[in-house]
Amino acid sequence: MSALKFAEGGIIEGIAVPYGSPQHRDAHGEFFTSNTEFRLDWFTERPLLIGHGLGVAGSEVVGKVVAVERRPEGLWIRAQLDKTSRFFGKIRDGLAEGILSFSSATMAHLAKVLPSGEITSWPLTEVSITGSPASRDARITNVREAAAHYQAIGAPVAAFKMHLVPPSEMQLEYLAATAEVNRVEARAAELEFRTIQADLNRRFGR
């Protein structure tokens, strides 16, 4: 897991997309490389969620991405937390414990994965905070969810609306398969979140 660094003013930073290889794949048998196309020029800001909106936090936006940079080890992210979010305190505590990391997301019709498992296209549409390793928790979201998240941070959605081409049959099959994986993992993530939350409550008296 790539733990996040927390700075004054609610700024957090870390690797959101660690690069892999045929010998170092994620839980789905896939891997990002330095050649993966993230389309970083499509947006100046991206929403920050918790667990891609799949857990107890739901689809609440808890901040926004303010900087993205390619580094030798992967895609580095800096994000600004929303201090008014009801989850700000819990996120701060989780960061202090070193148990949180970033995770990336794209939309189904934009992702491209070779038969070898190499991810060649993953236009970055959203970043999440998670208690699971980022490379195991990458997510594919749908257009409606993405549009709502961008509207929440006041960012235009025109950039990806230009790319809403119909998904291929293979992409639809991939989406169906990952949806089932996401459903199972979302339940596991919710249980994990509740366990961590209960532990923090016991330790800090919340």
C-alpha atoms as a PDB file:
ATOM      1  CA  MET A   1       0.000   0.000   0.000  1.00  0.00           C
ATOM      2  CA  SER A   2       1.217   3.522  -0.799  1.00  0.00           C
ATOM      3  CA  ALA A   3       0.356   5.550   2.302  1.00  0.00           C
ATOM      4  CA  LEU A   4      -0.714   9.160   1.848  1.00  0.00           C
ATOM      5  CA  LYS A   5       1.165  12.136   3.206  1.00  0.00           C
ATOM      6  CA  PHE A   6      -0.881  14.754   5.037  1.00  0.00           C
ATOM      7  CA  ALA A   7       0.157  18.411   5.030  1.00  0.00           C
ATOM      8  CA  GLU A   8      -1.186  21.549   6.674  1.00  0.00           C
ATOM      9  CA  GLY A   9      -4.312  22.985   5.157  1.00  0.00           C
ATOM     10  CA  GLY A  10      -5.856  19.635   4.351  1.00  0.00           C
ATOM     11  CA  ILE A  11      -3.513  18.826   1.471  1.00  0.00           C
ATOM     12  CA  ILE A  12      -2.766  15.132   0.874  1.00  0.00           C
ATOM     13  CA  GLU A  13      -0.457  13.574  -1.682  1.00  0.00           C
ATOM     14  CA  GLY A  14       0.780  10.177  -2.808  1.00  0.00           C
ATOM     15  CA  ILE A  15       0.914   7.644  -5.655  1.00  0.00           C
ATOM     16  CA  ALA A  16      -2.583   6.943  -6.993  1.00  0.00           C
ATOM     17  CA  VAL A  17      -1.549   4.598  -9.811  1.00  0.00           C
ATOM     18  CA  PRO A  18       1.530   2.472  -9.101  1.00  0.00           C
ATOM     19  CA  TYR A  19       3.129   1.019 -12.202  1.00  0.00           C
ATOM     20  CA  GLY A  20       3.366  -2.758 -12.477  1.00  0.00           C
ATOM     21  CA  SER A  21       4.567  -5.372 -14.937  1.00  0.00           C
ATOM     22  CA  PRO A  22       3.639  -8.863 -16.164  1.00  0.00           C
ATOM     23  CA  GLN A  23       5.308 -10.107 -12.970  1.00  0.00           C
ATOM     24  CA  HIS A  24       3.557  -7.546 -10.744  1.00  0.00           C
ATOM     25  CA  ARG A  25      -0.162  -7.430 -11.496  1.00  0.00           C
ATOM     26  CA  ASP A  26      -3.159  -6.200  -9.516  1.00  0.00           C
ATOM     27  CA  ALA A  27      -5.935  -8.349  -8.070  1.00  0.00           C
ATOM     28  CA  HIS A  28      -7.609  -8.508 -11.496  1.00  0.00           C
ATOM     29  CA  GLY A  29      -4.464  -9.710 -13.251  1.00  0.00           C
ATOM     30  CA  GLU A  30      -3.873  -6.308 -14.856  1.00  0.00           C
ATOM     31  CA  PHE A  31      -1.181  -3.662 -14.550  1.00  0.00           C
ATOM     32  CA  PHE A  32      -0.421  -0.036 -15.376  1.00  0.00           C
ATOM     33  CA  THR A  33       2.847   1.039 -16.974  1.00  0.00           C
ATOM     34  CA  SER A  34       4.615   4.286 -17.783  1.00  0.00           C
ATOM     35  CA  ASN A  35       3.015   3.985 -21.246  1.00  0.00           C
ATOM     36  CA  THR A  36      -0.569   3.976 -19.937  1.00  0.00           C
ATOM     37  CA  GLU A  37      -2.521   6.905 -21.372  1.00  0.00           C
ATOM     38  CA  PHE A  38      -4.217   8.869 -18.556  1.00  0.00           C
ATOM     39  CA  ARG A  39      -5.372  11.885 -20.623  1.00  0.00           C
ATOM     40  CA  LEU A  40      -4.173  14.262 -17.943  1.00  0.00           C
ATOM     41  CA  ASP A  41      -4.914  17.265 -20.164  1.00  0.00           C
ATOM     42  CA  TRP A  42      -8.655  16.621 -20.187  1.00  0.00           C
ATOM     43  CA  PHE A  43      -9.287  18.187 -16.773  1.00  0.00           C
ATOM     44  CA  THR A  44      -7.643  20.705 -14.480  1.00  0.00           C
ATOM     45  CA  GLU A  45      -9.467  19.297 -11.434  1.00  0.00           C
ATOM     46  CA  ARG A  46     -10.945  15.917 -10.565  1.00  0.00           C
ATOM     47  CA  PRO A  47     -13.251  14.941  -7.658  1.00  0.00           C
ATOM     48  CA  LEU A  48     -11.963  13.122  -4.582  1.00  0.00           C
ATOM     49  CA  LEU A  49     -14.248  10.440  -3.115  1.00  0.00           C
ATOM     50  CA  ILE A  50     -14.068   7.698  -0.487  1.00  0.00           C
ATOM     51  CA  GLY A  51     -13.964   4.179  -1.914  1.00  0.00           C
ATOM     52  CA  HIS A  52     -15.312   5.333  -5.303  1.00  0.00           C
ATOM     53  CA  GLY A  53     -18.683   6.017  -3.725  1.00  0.00           C
ATOM     54  CA  LEU A  54     -19.286   2.330  -3.035  1.00  0.00           C
ATOM     55  CA  GLY A  55     -19.031   2.276   0.774  1.00  0.00           C
ATOM     56  CA  VAL A  56     -20.751   3.929   3.711  1.00  0.00           C
ATOM     57  CA  ALA A  57     -19.706   7.404   2.536  1.00  0.00           C
ATOM     58  CA  GLY A  58     -21.760   6.988  -0.612  1.00  0.00           C
ATOM     59  CA  SER A  59     -21.127   9.386  -3.480  1.00  0.00           C
ATOM     60  CA  GLU A  60     -20.191  12.356  -1.285  1.00  0.00           C
ATOM     61  CA  VAL A  61     -17.310  14.368  -2.719  1.00  0.00           C
ATOM     62  CA  VAL A  62     -14.726  14.987   0.033  1.00  0.00           C
ATOM     63  CA  GLY A  63     -12.250  17.110  -1.914  1.00  0.00           C
ATOM     64  CA  LYS A  64     -10.670  17.672  -5.300  1.00  0.00           C
ATOM     65  CA  VAL A  65      -7.454  16.797  -7.102  1.00  0.00           C
ATOM     66  CA  VAL A  66      -5.296  19.888  -7.653  1.00  0.00           C
ATOM     67  CA  ALA A  67      -2.152  18.369  -9.202  1.00  0.00           C
ATOM     68  CA  VAL A  68      -1.203  15.210 -11.130  1.00  0.00           C
ATOM     69  CA  GLU A  69       2.301  14.205 -12.159  1.00  0.00           C
ATOM     70  CA  ARG A  70       3.937  11.208 -13.790  1.00  0.00           C
ATOM     71  CA  ARG A  71       6.774   9.859 -11.653  1.00  0.00           C
ATOM     72  CA  PRO A  72       9.084   6.847 -12.105  1.00  0.00           C
ATOM     73  CA  GLU A  73       7.015   4.739  -9.696  1.00  0.00           C
ATOM     74  CA  GLY A  74       3.590   5.791 -10.949  1.00  0.00           C
ATOM     75  CA  LEU A  75       1.027   8.564 -11.162  1.00  0.00           C
ATOM     76  CA  TRP A  76       1.440  11.010  -8.253  1.00  0.00           C
ATOM     77  CA  ILE A  77      -1.563  12.976  -6.967  1.00  0.00           C
ATOM     78  CA  ARG A  78      -2.043  16.018  -4.742  1.00  0.00           C
ATOM     79  CA  ALA A  79      -5.542  16.677  -3.456  1.00  0.00           C
ATOM     80  CA  GLN A  80      -7.270  19.283  -1.321  1.00  0.00           C
ATOM     81  CA  LEU A  81      -9.617  17.868   1.320  1.00  0.00           C
ATOM     82  CA  ASP A  82     -12.930  19.624   1.956  1.00  0.00           C
ATOM     83  CA  LYS A  83     -12.679  20.636   5.624  1.00  0.00           C
ATOM     84  CA  THR A  84     -16.444  21.048   5.805  1.00  0.00           C
ATOM     85  CA  SER A  85     -17.053  17.413   4.859  1.00  0.00           C
ATOM     86  CA  ARG A  86     -18.550  15.261   7.622  1.00  0.00           C
ATOM     87  CA  PHE A  87     -15.804  12.732   6.884  1.00  0.00           C
ATOM     88  CA  PHE A  88     -12.889  15.144   7.274  1.00  0.00           C
ATOM     89  CA  GLY A  89     -12.102  14.085  10.862  1.00  0.00           C
ATOM     90  CA  LYS A  90     -12.224  10.383  10.040  1.00  0.00           C
ATOM     91  CA  ILE A  91     -10.010  10.882   7.003  1.00  0.00           C
ATOM     92  CA  ARG A  92      -7.521  12.876   9.092  1.00  0.00           C
ATOM     93  CA  ASP A  93      -7.424  10.122  11.718  1.00  0.00           C
ATOM     94  CA  GLY A  94      -6.970   7.428   9.076  1.00  0.00           C
ATOM     95  CA  LEU A  95      -4.123   9.388   7.525  1.00  0.00           C
ATOM     96  CA  ALA A  96      -2.476   9.734  10.927  1.00  0.00           C
ATOM     97  CA  GLU A  97      -2.672   5.951  11.301  1.00  0.00           C
ATOM     98  CA  GLY A  98      -1.103   5.456   7.868  1.00  0.00           C
ATOM     99  CA  ILE A  99      -3.899   3.146   6.746  1.00  0.00           C
ATOM    100  CA  LEU A 100      -5.204   5.079   3.731  1.00  0.00           C
ATOM    101  CA  SER A 101      -4.073   5.294   0.128  1.00  0.00           C
ATOM    102  CA  PHE A 102      -5.267   6.697  -3.192  1.00  0.00           C
ATOM    103  CA  SER A 103      -7.117   4.776  -5.883  1.00  0.00           C
ATOM    104  CA  SER A 104      -7.942   5.804  -9.451  1.00  0.00           C
ATOM    105  CA  ALA A 105     -11.053   5.487 -11.602  1.00  0.00           C
ATOM    106  CA  THR A 106     -12.073   5.840 -15.236  1.00  0.00           C
ATOM    107  CA  MET A 107     -15.197   5.176 -17.330  1.00  0.00           C
ATOM    108  CA  ALA A 108     -15.938   1.917 -19.089  1.00  0.00           C
ATOM    109  CA  HIS A 109     -15.840   3.111 -22.684  1.00  0.00           C
ATOM    110  CA  LEU A 110     -12.490   4.841 -22.122  1.00  0.00           C
ATOM    111  CA  ALA A 111     -10.551   1.934 -20.580  1.00  0.00           C
ATOM    112  CA  LYS A 112      -8.440  -0.314 -22.795  1.00  0.00           C
ATOM    113  CA  VAL A 113      -6.740  -3.487 -21.569  1.00  0.00           C
ATOM    114  CA  LEU A 114      -4.598  -5.781 -23.708  1.00  0.00           C
ATOM    115  CA  PRO A 115      -5.002  -9.591 -23.536  1.00  0.00           C
ATOM    116  CA  SER A 116      -1.697  -9.567 -21.646  1.00  0.00           C
ATOM    117  CA  GLY A 117      -3.356  -7.561 -18.861  1.00  0.00           C
ATOM    118  CA  GLU A 118      -1.495  -4.348 -19.633  1.00  0.00           C
ATOM    119  CA  ILE A 119      -3.750  -1.315 -19.231  1.00  0.00           C
ATOM    120  CA  THR A 120      -3.008   0.974 -22.173  1.00  0.00           C
ATOM    121  CA  SER A 121      -5.789   3.537 -21.702  1.00  0.00           C
ATOM    122  CA  TRP A 122      -7.181   4.755 -18.360  1.00  0.00           C
ATOM    123  CA  PRO A 123      -8.281   8.395 -18.689  1.00  0.00           C
ATOM    124  CA  LEU A 124      -8.295   9.586 -15.095  1.00  0.00           C
ATOM    125  CA  THR A 125     -11.790  10.818 -14.186  1.00  0.00           C
ATOM    126  CA  GLU A 126     -11.819  10.428 -10.399  1.00  0.00           C
ATOM    127  CA  VAL A 127      -9.523   9.667  -7.449  1.00  0.00           C
ATOM    128  CA  SER A 128     -10.609   8.064  -4.185  1.00  0.00           C
ATOM    129  CA  ILE A 129      -9.281   7.551  -0.686  1.00  0.00           C
ATOM    130  CA  THR A 130      -9.303   3.888   0.286  1.00  0.00           C
ATOM    131  CA  GLY A 131      -8.094   1.482   2.927  1.00  0.00           C
ATOM    132  CA  SER A 132      -7.131  -1.001   0.202  1.00  0.00           C
ATOM    133  CA  PRO A 133      -4.009  -0.908  -1.971  1.00  0.00           C
ATOM    134  CA  ALA A 134      -4.554   1.423  -4.917  1.00  0.00           C
ATOM    135  CA  SER A 135      -3.564  -1.155  -7.512  1.00  0.00           C
ATOM    136  CA  ARG A 136      -6.210  -3.534  -6.153  1.00  0.00           C
ATOM    137  CA  ASP A 137      -8.928  -0.915  -5.992  1.00  0.00           C
ATOM    138  CA  ALA A 138      -8.976   0.835  -9.371  1.00  0.00           C
ATOM    139  CA  ARG A 139     -12.531   1.358 -10.493  1.00  0.00           C
ATOM    140  CA  ILE A 140     -14.619   1.876 -13.605  1.00  0.00           C
ATOM    141  CA  THR A 141     -17.467   4.336 -13.063  1.00  0.00           C
ATOM    142  CA  ASN A 142     -20.352   5.301 -15.286  1.00  0.00           C
ATOM    143  CA  VAL A 143     -20.934   8.586 -17.072  1.00  0.00           C
ATOM    144  CA  ARG A 144     -23.815   9.720 -14.867  1.00  0.00           C
ATOM    145  CA  GLU A 145     -21.790   9.223 -11.676  1.00  0.00           C
ATOM    146  CA  ALA A 146     -18.804  11.041 -13.150  1.00  0.00           C
ATOM    147  CA  ALA A 147     -20.913  14.009 -14.273  1.00  0.00           C
ATOM    148  CA  ALA A 148     -22.458  14.371 -10.812  1.00  0.00           C
ATOM    149  CA  HIS A 149     -19.052  14.275  -9.133  1.00  0.00           C
ATOM    150  CA  TYR A 150     -17.637  16.947 -11.424  1.00  0.00           C
ATOM    151  CA  GLN A 151     -20.638  19.166 -10.868  1.00  0.00           C
ATOM    152  CA  ALA A 152     -20.086  18.811  -7.118  1.00  0.00           C
ATOM    153  CA  ILE A 153     -16.660  20.489  -7.370  1.00  0.00           C
ATOM    154  CA  GLY A 154     -17.802  23.041  -9.924  1.00  0.00           C
ATOM    155  CA  ALA A 155     -15.715  21.567 -12.754  1.00  0.00           C
ATOM    156  CA  PRO A 156     -16.945  21.410 -16.380  1.00  0.00           C
ATOM    157  CA  VAL A 157     -17.877  18.009 -17.764  1.00  0.00           C
ATOM    158  CA  ALA A 158     -17.583  19.040 -21.411  1.00  0.00           C
ATOM    159  CA  ALA A 159     -14.170  17.415 -21.753  1.00  0.00           C
ATOM    160  CA  PHE A 160     -15.406  13.882 -21.323  1.00  0.00           C
ATOM    161  CA  LYS A 161     -18.802  14.502 -22.922  1.00  0.00           C
ATOM    162  CA  MET A 162     -16.878  14.842 -26.172  1.00  0.00           C
ATOM    163  CA  HIS A 163     -15.678  11.276 -25.775  1.00  0.00           C
ATOM    164  CA  LEU A 164     -18.968   9.509 -25.047  1.00  0.00           C
ATOM    165  CA  VAL A 165     -18.737   7.028 -27.912  1.00  0.00           C
ATOM    166  CA  PRO A 166     -20.814   3.840 -27.621  1.00  0.00           C
ATOM    167  CA  PRO A 167     -18.888   1.076 -25.807  1.00  0.00           C
ATOM    168  CA  SER A 168     -17.922  -2.043 -27.747  1.00  0.00           C
ATOM    169  CA  GLU A 169     -19.278  -5.519 -26.958  1.00  0.00           C
ATOM    170  CA  MET A 170     -15.947  -6.436 -25.358  1.00  0.00           C
ATOM    171  CA  GLN A 171     -16.053  -3.303 -23.181  1.00  0.00           C
ATOM    172  CA  LEU A 172     -19.584  -4.165 -22.070  1.00  0.00           C
ATOM    173  CA  GLU A 173     -18.480  -7.682 -21.140  1.00  0.00           C
ATOM    174  CA  TYR A 174     -15.526  -6.243 -19.228  1.00  0.00           C
ATOM    175  CA  LEU A 175     -17.827  -3.822 -17.405  1.00  0.00           C
ATOM    176  CA  ALA A 176     -20.229  -6.619 -16.438  1.00  0.00           C
ATOM    177  CA  ALA A 177     -17.390  -8.716 -15.071  1.00  0.00           C
ATOM    178  CA  THR A 178     -15.864  -5.864 -13.088  1.00  0.00           C
ATOM    179  CA  ALA A 179     -19.282  -4.836 -11.773  1.00  0.00           C
ATOM    180  CA  GLU A 180     -19.635  -8.200 -10.051  1.00  0.00           C
ATOM    181  CA  VAL A 181     -16.125  -7.930  -8.628  1.00  0.00           C
ATOM    182  CA  ASN A 182     -16.892  -4.402  -7.434  1.00  0.00           C
ATOM    183  CA  ARG A 183     -20.108  -5.559  -5.764  1.00  0.00           C
ATOM    184  CA  VAL A 184     -18.289  -8.195  -3.736  1.00  0.00           C
ATOM    185  CA  GLU A 185     -15.375  -5.902  -2.908  1.00  0.00           C
ATOM    186  CA  ALA A 186     -17.694  -3.037  -1.961  1.00  0.00           C
ATOM    187  CA  ARG A 187     -19.294  -5.209   0.701  1.00  0.00           C
ATOM    188  CA  ALA A 188     -15.876  -6.221   1.992  1.00  0.00           C
ATOM    189  CA  ALA A 189     -14.732  -2.572   1.968  1.00  0.00           C
ATOM    190  CA  GLU A 190     -17.801  -1.522   3.943  1.00  0.00           C
ATOM    191  CA  LEU A 191     -17.122  -4.142   6.609  1.00  0.00           C
ATOM    192  CA  GLU A 192     -13.463  -3.095   6.732  1.00  0.00           C
ATOM    193  CA  PHE A 193     -14.435   0.577   7.071  1.00  0.00           C
ATOM    194  CA  ARG A 194     -16.789  -0.220   9.948  1.00  0.00           C
ATOM    195  CA  THR A 195     -14.092  -2.243  11.710  1.00  0.00           C
ATOM    196  CA  ILE A 196     -11.592   0.616  11.386  1.00  0.00           C
ATOM    197  CA  GLN A 197     -14.190   3.127  12.510  1.00  0.00           C
ATOM    198  CA  ALA A 198     -15.095   1.053  15.571  1.00  0.00           C
ATOM    199  CA  ASP A 199     -11.410   0.729  16.473  1.00  0.00           C
ATOM    200  CA  LEU A 200     -10.904   4.498  16.188  1.00  0.00           C
ATOM    201  CA  ASN A 201     -13.970   5.110  18.332  1.00  0.00           C
ATOM    202  CA  ARG A 202     -12.606   2.820  21.038  1.00  0.00           C
ATOM    203  CA  ARG A 203      -9.148   4.366  20.920  1.00  0.00           C
ATOM    204  CA  PHE A 204     -10.130   8.035  20.742  1.00  0.00           C
ATOM    205  CA  GLY A 205     -13.448   7.956  22.538  1.00  0.00           C
ATOM    206  CA  ARG A 206     -15.602   9.039  19.601  1.00  0.00           C
END
